[in-house]
Amino acid sequence: MREAMAVTGYIASSEVPNIRKASYVDVRPERDVSDVVARVKGSDVEDVRQGSTEGGLTLVQLVLRTGASVETVQRTTVDVAGMRAFHDPVLNRVRQEATAKQIMV
């Protein structure tokens, strides 16, 4: 076994067959969360592990190539409520989930 970095979360089921061909893949940390995603280049995905599908979303674990970059992207509105999201402790927990983790493959 060896160590690798991986992003685990949910993507649209229709995107699963084309993950490695995609410019970027946005992975949601939870089914009902779309405000924060982990974004990886399709070309940086070494292996795709697929889990269950529900409601048009599929659980995936994207095993990344050595040296791949992962972006944590937060989407919000440009208003007072949207700016408060940057300081929201609950959303902060979700942001922490939208990162790559070390796994054994």
C-alpha atoms as a PDB file:
ATOM      1  CA  MET A   1       0.000   0.000   0.000  1.00  0.00           C
ATOM      2  CA  ARG A   2       1.024   3.578  -0.540  1.00  0.00           C
ATOM      3  CA  GLU A   3      -0.183   6.953   0.664  1.00  0.00           C
ATOM      4  CA  ALA A   4      -2.092   9.321  -1.587  1.00  0.00           C
ATOM      5  CA  MET A   5      -4.234  12.414  -1.247  1.00  0.00           C
ATOM      6  CA  ALA A   6      -7.945  12.179  -2.017  1.00  0.00           C
ATOM      7  CA  VAL A   7     -11.041  14.340  -2.061  1.00  0.00           C
ATOM      8  CA  THR A   8     -14.251  12.655  -0.943  1.00  0.00           C
ATOM      9  CA  GLY A   9     -17.732  14.039  -1.468  1.00  0.00           C
ATOM     10  CA  TYR A  10     -20.608  14.338  -3.896  1.00  0.00           C
ATOM     11  CA  ILE A  11     -20.834  15.297  -7.559  1.00  0.00           C
ATOM     12  CA  ALA A  12     -23.646  15.254 -10.089  1.00  0.00           C
ATOM     13  CA  SER A  13     -24.172  11.674 -11.268  1.00  0.00           C
ATOM     14  CA  SER A  14     -23.996  12.812 -14.895  1.00  0.00           C
ATOM     15  CA  GLU A  15     -20.409  14.037 -14.321  1.00  0.00           C
ATOM     16  CA  VAL A  16     -19.023  10.729 -13.014  1.00  0.00           C
ATOM     17  CA  PRO A  17     -18.169   9.139 -16.410  1.00  0.00           C
ATOM     18  CA  ASN A  18     -16.207  12.218 -17.530  1.00  0.00           C
ATOM     19  CA  ILE A  19     -14.302  13.172 -14.379  1.00  0.00           C
ATOM     20  CA  ARG A  20     -10.828  12.738 -15.856  1.00  0.00           C
ATOM     21  CA  LYS A  21     -11.776  14.612 -19.046  1.00  0.00           C
ATOM     22  CA  ALA A  22     -13.262  17.585 -17.170  1.00  0.00           C
ATOM     23  CA  SER A  23     -11.377  20.852 -16.876  1.00  0.00           C
ATOM     24  CA  TYR A  24     -12.382  21.017 -13.219  1.00  0.00           C
ATOM     25  CA  VAL A  25     -14.486  18.887 -10.890  1.00  0.00           C
ATOM     26  CA  ASP A  26     -16.357  20.520  -7.997  1.00  0.00           C
ATOM     27  CA  VAL A  27     -16.864  18.084  -5.113  1.00  0.00           C
ATOM     28  CA  ARG A  28     -19.466  18.918  -2.463  1.00  0.00           C
ATOM     29  CA  PRO A  29     -18.535  17.849   1.086  1.00  0.00           C
ATOM     30  CA  GLU A  30     -22.202  17.040   1.863  1.00  0.00           C
ATOM     31  CA  ARG A  31     -25.218  16.316  -0.352  1.00  0.00           C
ATOM     32  CA  ASP A  32     -27.071  19.438   0.725  1.00  0.00           C
ATOM     33  CA  VAL A  33     -24.069  21.795   0.604  1.00  0.00           C
ATOM     34  CA  SER A  34     -23.290  23.722  -2.565  1.00  0.00           C
ATOM     35  CA  ASP A  35     -21.865  26.912  -1.022  1.00  0.00           C
ATOM     36  CA  VAL A  36     -18.454  25.277  -0.454  1.00  0.00           C
ATOM     37  CA  VAL A  37     -16.725  22.843  -2.819  1.00  0.00           C
ATOM     38  CA  ALA A  38     -13.318  21.242  -3.261  1.00  0.00           C
ATOM     39  CA  ARG A  39     -12.207  21.902  -6.848  1.00  0.00           C
ATOM     40  CA  VAL A  40      -9.673  19.684  -8.624  1.00  0.00           C
ATOM     41  CA  LYS A  41      -8.505  19.456 -12.217  1.00  0.00           C
ATOM     42  CA  GLY A  42      -9.789  16.380 -14.017  1.00  0.00           C
ATOM     43  CA  SER A  43      -6.255  15.684 -15.235  1.00  0.00           C
ATOM     44  CA  ASP A  44      -5.066  15.510 -11.600  1.00  0.00           C
ATOM     45  CA  VAL A  45      -7.399  12.587 -10.800  1.00  0.00           C
ATOM     46  CA  GLU A  46      -5.543   9.280 -10.729  1.00  0.00           C
ATOM     47  CA  ASP A  47      -8.435   7.030  -9.674  1.00  0.00           C
ATOM     48  CA  VAL A  48     -12.174   7.386  -9.112  1.00  0.00           C
ATOM     49  CA  ARG A  49     -13.904   5.374  -6.414  1.00  0.00           C
ATOM     50  CA  GLN A  50     -17.657   5.508  -6.736  1.00  0.00           C
ATOM     51  CA  GLY A  51     -20.223   5.038  -3.973  1.00  0.00           C
ATOM     52  CA  SER A  52     -23.979   5.300  -3.748  1.00  0.00           C
ATOM     53  CA  THR A  53     -26.185   7.548  -5.855  1.00  0.00           C
ATOM     54  CA  GLU A  54     -29.202   9.408  -4.533  1.00  0.00           C
ATOM     55  CA  GLY A  55     -31.095  12.425  -5.791  1.00  0.00           C
ATOM     56  CA  GLY A  56     -28.839  12.890  -8.800  1.00  0.00           C
ATOM     57  CA  LEU A  57     -25.673  13.032  -6.676  1.00  0.00           C
ATOM     58  CA  THR A  58     -23.032  10.306  -6.447  1.00  0.00           C
ATOM     59  CA  LEU A  59     -20.567   9.802  -3.614  1.00  0.00           C
ATOM     60  CA  VAL A  60     -17.014   9.712  -5.012  1.00  0.00           C
ATOM     61  CA  GLN A  61     -13.486   9.527  -3.707  1.00  0.00           C
ATOM     62  CA  LEU A  62     -11.053  11.107  -6.138  1.00  0.00           C
ATOM     63  CA  VAL A  63      -7.530   9.791  -5.611  1.00  0.00           C
ATOM     64  CA  LEU A  64      -5.164  12.523  -6.755  1.00  0.00           C
ATOM     65  CA  ARG A  65      -1.860  12.406  -8.583  1.00  0.00           C
ATOM     66  CA  THR A  66       1.247  13.420  -6.645  1.00  0.00           C
ATOM     67  CA  GLY A  67       1.556  17.197  -6.683  1.00  0.00           C
ATOM     68  CA  ALA A  68      -2.087  17.852  -7.573  1.00  0.00           C
ATOM     69  CA  SER A  69      -3.630  21.057  -6.305  1.00  0.00           C
ATOM     70  CA  VAL A  70      -6.988  21.344  -4.576  1.00  0.00           C
ATOM     71  CA  GLU A  71      -8.915  24.576  -4.209  1.00  0.00           C
ATOM     72  CA  THR A  72     -11.562  25.153  -1.563  1.00  0.00           C
ATOM     73  CA  VAL A  73     -14.131  27.446  -3.158  1.00  0.00           C
ATOM     74  CA  GLN A  74     -16.809  29.277  -1.214  1.00  0.00           C
ATOM     75  CA  ARG A  75     -19.745  30.752  -3.107  1.00  0.00           C
ATOM     76  CA  THR A  76     -21.739  33.548  -1.551  1.00  0.00           C
ATOM     77  CA  THR A  77     -23.834  36.551  -2.464  1.00  0.00           C
ATOM     78  CA  VAL A  78     -22.463  40.072  -2.505  1.00  0.00           C
ATOM     79  CA  ASP A  79     -24.487  41.487   0.355  1.00  0.00           C
ATOM     80  CA  VAL A  80     -24.320  41.692   4.143  1.00  0.00           C
ATOM     81  CA  ALA A  81     -25.729  38.178   4.655  1.00  0.00           C
ATOM     82  CA  GLY A  82     -23.294  36.747   2.128  1.00  0.00           C
ATOM     83  CA  MET A  83     -20.318  38.421   3.756  1.00  0.00           C
ATOM     84  CA  ARG A  84     -21.371  37.035   7.168  1.00  0.00           C
ATOM     85  CA  ALA A  85     -20.874  33.546   5.725  1.00  0.00           C
ATOM     86  CA  PHE A  86     -17.108  34.079   5.867  1.00  0.00           C
ATOM     87  CA  HIS A  87     -17.360  34.254   9.677  1.00  0.00           C
ATOM     88  CA  ASP A  88     -19.990  31.538  10.158  1.00  0.00           C
ATOM     89  CA  PRO A  89     -18.638  28.805  12.509  1.00  0.00           C
ATOM     90  CA  VAL A  90     -20.975  26.166  11.042  1.00  0.00           C
ATOM     91  CA  LEU A  91     -19.866  26.941   7.506  1.00  0.00           C
ATOM     92  CA  ASN A  92     -16.264  26.884   8.739  1.00  0.00           C
ATOM     93  CA  ARG A  93     -16.727  23.205   9.684  1.00  0.00           C
ATOM     94  CA  VAL A  94     -17.962  22.493   6.156  1.00  0.00           C
ATOM     95  CA  ARG A  95     -15.008  24.385   4.671  1.00  0.00           C
ATOM     96  CA  GLN A  96     -12.656  22.091   6.566  1.00  0.00           C
ATOM     97  CA  GLU A  97     -14.343  19.068   4.973  1.00  0.00           C
ATOM     98  CA  ALA A  98     -13.810  20.489   1.473  1.00  0.00           C
ATOM     99  CA  THR A  99     -10.099  19.663   1.429  1.00  0.00           C
ATOM    100  CA  ALA A 100      -7.897  16.778   0.362  1.00  0.00           C
ATOM    101  CA  LYS A 101      -7.143  14.100   2.954  1.00  0.00           C
ATOM    102  CA  GLN A 102      -4.331  11.558   3.132  1.00  0.00           C
ATOM    103  CA  ILE A 103      -5.447   7.950   2.473  1.00  0.00           C
ATOM    104  CA  MET A 104      -3.881   4.546   1.859  1.00  0.00           C
ATOM    105  CA  VAL A 105      -4.378   3.079  -1.639  1.00  0.00           C
END
